[in-house]
Amino acid sequence: MRAILFLLLTSYVFAESDFDFSNAMLSEALNEVANVSNKIIKRTYKAIFRPDLNIEEIELIFNKLSESTDVLNFRVLRANEETLELEYQSYLGIEDSAKFVTSLGAIKNI
């Protein structure tokens, strides 16, 4: 019996009797990265939130940062009556990271 695999991101169709799914997927993923030639860089950003957040809003921000696969880690740099400033690391570019933290309520991402 022949196994047929359709890959969504490619125009290739594989038909083999002894098909190794994981090797084919890895090869295709590597080919896509090589063709796009994007560098994957870990970046450090700072997100600034308004200082008058209540405890539930802060808890929600921390939970979303903890659950996100886009954020590698984060820490509180400053928390006082003037600002709440977080530092986080991500593989996202500046625009995507800004969109992400803005969706959490950040007023600035640097």
Foldseek 3Di string as FASTA:
>chain_A
DWDWDDDPVDPDIDTDDDDDVVVVVVVVVVVVCVVVVDDQDKDKKKFKAQQPDDPVLVVVLVVCLVPDPQWPDKDWPDHDNGITMMMTIGSDDPVVVVVVVVVSHTPDMD
